[in-house]
Every structure is written in C-alpha cells, then in structure tokens.
Amino acid sequence: MITFIKLDNYWARYIPYAFVHMGYHLKKNNIPYTILHNTLMNEFEADKKVFIKELERLKPKIVGLSTLTATSARVYELAGQIKKIAPDATVILGGVHVSVLPEEALRHQSVDIVVRGEGELILAELVDA
C-alpha cells in the first residue's frame, strides 16, 4: 500500500493531479494506493489528525509527500510524525521545493528518499526495488 499526501496553501480546492497520474501507473500494476489531500493551511492541524488516523489504519509501506516551499516546514513536521507511528514506512518527498533543495530535505531524519523532477517512472522503479 502506498499513501500520497499533498499539503497545499491555496484558496480553492483542486485534485492533486500529479498523484492521480502516478496512481494511474500504480493501478496498471495492481499496486494499491490512496491519496490524502488538504488545501487550506488554516485547517492543517485538523487535517493532520485525520491523516495520522488514516495512516495508522492503512499501514502503508510507502508514504509519498509533495512539497511546495510554502508548505515545506509542515511537510517535514508531518514526515516526523509519520516515522513515529510507522517507523518501517519509507517516506519519499517530491515536488517543487525538494527538486530545487534536495539536500535540505535529506537533512531531516524522517525523510528516506527525495525525488527530483517528475516522479511517475521513478516511483515505479522504487516500488519494484
């Protein structure tokens, strides 16, 4: 099981298309996945509680987090909490922020892998590995 989490800071709700696109590739290979998504940072604490409960229920082997510079501090915070409840899960960060600053992300002990650029094909390789 793979769980994708997208934290955003936008004024309007939308579908996290990158995760939907990656899900297409996973579905073709019969790999189960789920997407957790929020768009309003003023709801982050409530959303985080929901996300943590879902992660405890799903017990994913891989958790993929997408980062924007505006949300990176919260993503690192969430990654730390994920490692506390699921220490064996592989935490993968992708997105614009870590594509530009991968070394910053890798300094966080809760981050296992950083993906720079488009993640669909790399994700398939990681799952196979």
C-alpha atoms as a PDB file:
ATOM      1  CA  MET A   1       0.000   0.000   0.000  1.00  0.00           C
ATOM      2  CA  ILE A   2       1.212   3.461  -0.934  1.00  0.00           C
ATOM      3  CA  THR A   3      -0.253   6.622   0.545  1.00  0.00           C
ATOM      4  CA  PHE A   4       0.302  10.001  -1.069  1.00  0.00           C
ATOM      5  CA  ILE A   5      -0.173  13.173   0.972  1.00  0.00           C
ATOM      6  CA  LYS A   6      -0.495  16.636  -0.550  1.00  0.00           C
ATOM      7  CA  LEU A   7      -0.458  19.719   1.665  1.00  0.00           C
ATOM      8  CA  ASP A   8      -1.327  22.941  -0.092  1.00  0.00           C
ATOM      9  CA  ASN A   9      -1.887  26.564   0.746  1.00  0.00           C
ATOM     10  CA  TYR A  10      -4.326  27.577  -1.951  1.00  0.00           C
ATOM     11  CA  TRP A  11      -7.630  29.435  -1.847  1.00  0.00           C
ATOM     12  CA  ALA A  12      -9.504  26.830  -3.903  1.00  0.00           C
ATOM     13  CA  ARG A  13      -9.745  23.061  -3.661  1.00  0.00           C
ATOM     14  CA  TYR A  14      -8.477  21.026  -6.588  1.00  0.00           C
ATOM     15  CA  ILE A  15      -7.389  17.488  -7.413  1.00  0.00           C
ATOM     16  CA  PRO A  16      -3.675  16.695  -6.816  1.00  0.00           C
ATOM     17  CA  TYR A  17      -3.082  15.744 -10.442  1.00  0.00           C
ATOM     18  CA  ALA A  18       0.490  14.517 -10.003  1.00  0.00           C
ATOM     19  CA  PHE A  19      -0.701  11.864  -7.543  1.00  0.00           C
ATOM     20  CA  VAL A  20      -3.612  10.921  -9.772  1.00  0.00           C
ATOM     21  CA  HIS A  21      -1.167  10.477 -12.645  1.00  0.00           C
ATOM     22  CA  MET A  22       1.165   8.348 -10.504  1.00  0.00           C
ATOM     23  CA  GLY A  23      -1.863   6.367  -9.320  1.00  0.00           C
ATOM     24  CA  TYR A  24      -2.659   5.510 -12.922  1.00  0.00           C
ATOM     25  CA  HIS A  25       0.743   3.832 -13.270  1.00  0.00           C
ATOM     26  CA  LEU A  26       0.313   2.032  -9.949  1.00  0.00           C
ATOM     27  CA  LYS A  27      -3.180   0.827 -10.816  1.00  0.00           C
ATOM     28  CA  LYS A  28      -1.899  -0.623 -14.105  1.00  0.00           C
ATOM     29  CA  ASN A  29       0.467  -2.731 -11.987  1.00  0.00           C
ATOM     30  CA  ASN A  30      -2.161  -3.696  -9.379  1.00  0.00           C
ATOM     31  CA  ILE A  31      -0.448  -1.686  -6.628  1.00  0.00           C
ATOM     32  CA  PRO A  32      -2.964  -0.251  -4.146  1.00  0.00           C
ATOM     33  CA  TYR A  33      -2.696   3.408  -3.229  1.00  0.00           C
ATOM     34  CA  THR A  34      -4.634   6.184  -1.568  1.00  0.00           C
ATOM     35  CA  ILE A  35      -4.427   9.984  -1.707  1.00  0.00           C
ATOM     36  CA  LEU A  36      -4.853  12.301   1.275  1.00  0.00           C
ATOM     37  CA  HIS A  37      -5.131  15.996   0.408  1.00  0.00           C
ATOM     38  CA  ASN A  38      -5.780  19.339   2.046  1.00  0.00           C
ATOM     39  CA  THR A  39      -5.714  22.797   0.512  1.00  0.00           C
ATOM     40  CA  LEU A  40      -6.110  25.247   3.376  1.00  0.00           C
ATOM     41  CA  MET A  41      -3.230  25.614   5.814  1.00  0.00           C
ATOM     42  CA  ASN A  42      -5.520  27.107   8.464  1.00  0.00           C
ATOM     43  CA  GLU A  43      -7.069  23.617   8.647  1.00  0.00           C
ATOM     44  CA  PHE A  44      -3.690  21.840   8.843  1.00  0.00           C
ATOM     45  CA  GLU A  45      -3.908  20.681  12.474  1.00  0.00           C
ATOM     46  CA  ALA A  46      -7.338  19.090  11.963  1.00  0.00           C
ATOM     47  CA  ASP A  47      -6.288  17.584   8.631  1.00  0.00           C
ATOM     48  CA  LYS A  48      -3.081  16.248  10.176  1.00  0.00           C
ATOM     49  CA  LYS A  49      -5.084  14.347  12.811  1.00  0.00           C
ATOM     50  CA  VAL A  50      -7.229  12.802  10.080  1.00  0.00           C
ATOM     51  CA  PHE A  51      -4.149  11.916   8.030  1.00  0.00           C
ATOM     52  CA  ILE A  52      -2.430  10.273  11.013  1.00  0.00           C
ATOM     53  CA  LYS A  53      -5.547   8.191  11.795  1.00  0.00           C
ATOM     54  CA  GLU A  54      -5.738   7.087   8.165  1.00  0.00           C
ATOM     55  CA  LEU A  55      -2.055   6.168   8.126  1.00  0.00           C
ATOM     56  CA  GLU A  56      -2.490   4.124  11.305  1.00  0.00           C
ATOM     57  CA  ARG A  57      -5.417   2.320   9.677  1.00  0.00           C
ATOM     58  CA  LEU A  58      -3.828   1.794   6.248  1.00  0.00           C
ATOM     59  CA  LYS A  59      -0.305   0.899   7.419  1.00  0.00           C
ATOM     60  CA  PRO A  60       1.323   1.894   4.108  1.00  0.00           C
ATOM     61  CA  LYS A  61       4.782   0.655   3.216  1.00  0.00           C
ATOM     62  CA  ILE A  62       5.483   3.883   1.322  1.00  0.00           C
ATOM     63  CA  VAL A  63       4.286   7.401   2.096  1.00  0.00           C
ATOM     64  CA  GLY A  64       4.852   9.995  -0.619  1.00  0.00           C
ATOM     65  CA  LEU A  65       4.692  13.656   0.372  1.00  0.00           C
ATOM     66  CA  SER A  66       4.603  16.501  -2.113  1.00  0.00           C
ATOM     67  CA  THR A  67       6.237  19.776  -1.130  1.00  0.00           C
ATOM     68  CA  LEU A  68       5.948  23.383  -2.080  1.00  0.00           C
ATOM     69  CA  THR A  69       8.222  25.958  -0.480  1.00  0.00           C
ATOM     70  CA  ALA A  70       5.215  27.451   1.311  1.00  0.00           C
ATOM     71  CA  THR A  71       4.362  24.085   2.894  1.00  0.00           C
ATOM     72  CA  SER A  72       7.802  22.547   3.388  1.00  0.00           C
ATOM     73  CA  ALA A  73       8.013  23.151   7.173  1.00  0.00           C
ATOM     74  CA  ARG A  74       4.657  21.433   7.681  1.00  0.00           C
ATOM     75  CA  VAL A  75       5.639  18.579   5.362  1.00  0.00           C
ATOM     76  CA  TYR A  76       8.820  17.963   7.372  1.00  0.00           C
ATOM     77  CA  GLU A  77       6.755  18.078  10.581  1.00  0.00           C
ATOM     78  CA  LEU A  78       4.281  15.562   9.178  1.00  0.00           C
ATOM     79  CA  ALA A  79       7.107  13.311   7.955  1.00  0.00           C
ATOM     80  CA  GLY A  80       8.443  13.194  11.510  1.00  0.00           C
ATOM     81  CA  GLN A  81       5.060  12.171  12.863  1.00  0.00           C
ATOM     82  CA  ILE A  82       4.702   9.525  10.174  1.00  0.00           C
ATOM     83  CA  LYS A  83       8.011   7.969  11.233  1.00  0.00           C
ATOM     84  CA  LYS A  84       6.785   7.886  14.846  1.00  0.00           C
ATOM     85  CA  ILE A  85       3.642   5.906  14.001  1.00  0.00           C
ATOM     86  CA  ALA A  86       5.120   3.886  11.118  1.00  0.00           C
ATOM     87  CA  PRO A  87       8.897   3.664  11.596  1.00  0.00           C
ATOM     88  CA  ASP A  88       9.256   0.997   8.900  1.00  0.00           C
ATOM     89  CA  ALA A  89       7.443   3.036   6.245  1.00  0.00           C
ATOM     90  CA  THR A  90       9.596   4.586   3.554  1.00  0.00           C
ATOM     91  CA  VAL A  91       8.971   8.335   3.432  1.00  0.00           C
ATOM     92  CA  ILE A  92       9.536   9.809  -0.019  1.00  0.00           C
ATOM     93  CA  LEU A  93       9.454  13.543  -0.696  1.00  0.00           C
ATOM     94  CA  GLY A  94       8.875  15.043  -4.096  1.00  0.00           C
ATOM     95  CA  GLY A  95       7.631  18.279  -5.535  1.00  0.00           C
ATOM     96  CA  VAL A  96       8.966  21.664  -6.460  1.00  0.00           C
ATOM     97  CA  HIS A  97      10.687  22.517  -3.166  1.00  0.00           C
ATOM     98  CA  VAL A  98      12.743  19.354  -2.817  1.00  0.00           C
ATOM     99  CA  SER A  99      13.531  19.302  -6.534  1.00  0.00           C
ATOM    100  CA  VAL A 100      15.346  22.605  -6.022  1.00  0.00           C
ATOM    101  CA  LEU A 101      16.671  21.927  -2.489  1.00  0.00           C
ATOM    102  CA  PRO A 102      17.131  18.153  -2.126  1.00  0.00           C
ATOM    103  CA  GLU A 103      19.971  18.490   0.396  1.00  0.00           C
ATOM    104  CA  GLU A 104      17.681  20.404   2.769  1.00  0.00           C
ATOM    105  CA  ALA A 105      15.115  17.616   2.700  1.00  0.00           C
ATOM    106  CA  LEU A 106      17.704  14.890   3.219  1.00  0.00           C
ATOM    107  CA  ARG A 107      18.938  16.584   6.405  1.00  0.00           C
ATOM    108  CA  HIS A 108      15.654  15.569   8.042  1.00  0.00           C
ATOM    109  CA  GLN A 109      15.953  12.130   9.666  1.00  0.00           C
ATOM    110  CA  SER A 110      12.336  11.333   8.818  1.00  0.00           C
ATOM    111  CA  VAL A 111      12.977  11.606   5.061  1.00  0.00           C
ATOM    112  CA  ASP A 112      14.239   8.418   3.403  1.00  0.00           C
ATOM    113  CA  ILE A 113      14.218   9.364  -0.293  1.00  0.00           C
ATOM    114  CA  VAL A 114      13.970  12.595  -2.281  1.00  0.00           C
ATOM    115  CA  VAL A 115      12.675  12.524  -5.851  1.00  0.00           C
ATOM    116  CA  ARG A 116      13.649  15.418  -8.103  1.00  0.00           C
ATOM    117  CA  GLY A 117      11.531  16.247 -11.135  1.00  0.00           C
ATOM    118  CA  GLU A 118       8.742  14.047 -12.463  1.00  0.00           C
ATOM    119  CA  GLY A 119       8.053  11.131 -10.139  1.00  0.00           C
ATOM    120  CA  GLU A 120       5.898   8.658 -12.092  1.00  0.00           C
ATOM    121  CA  LEU A 121       8.616   6.492 -13.567  1.00  0.00           C
ATOM    122  CA  ILE A 122      10.892   6.799 -10.565  1.00  0.00           C
ATOM    123  CA  LEU A 123       8.048   5.677  -8.295  1.00  0.00           C
ATOM    124  CA  ALA A 124       7.551   2.540 -10.351  1.00  0.00           C
ATOM    125  CA  GLU A 125      11.265   1.759 -10.030  1.00  0.00           C
ATOM    126  CA  LEU A 126      11.185   2.382  -6.267  1.00  0.00           C
ATOM    127  CA  VAL A 127       8.187   0.096  -5.826  1.00  0.00           C
ATOM    128  CA  ASP A 128       9.921  -2.635  -7.815  1.00  0.00           C
ATOM    129  CA  ALA A 129      13.055  -2.247  -5.681  1.00  0.00           C
END
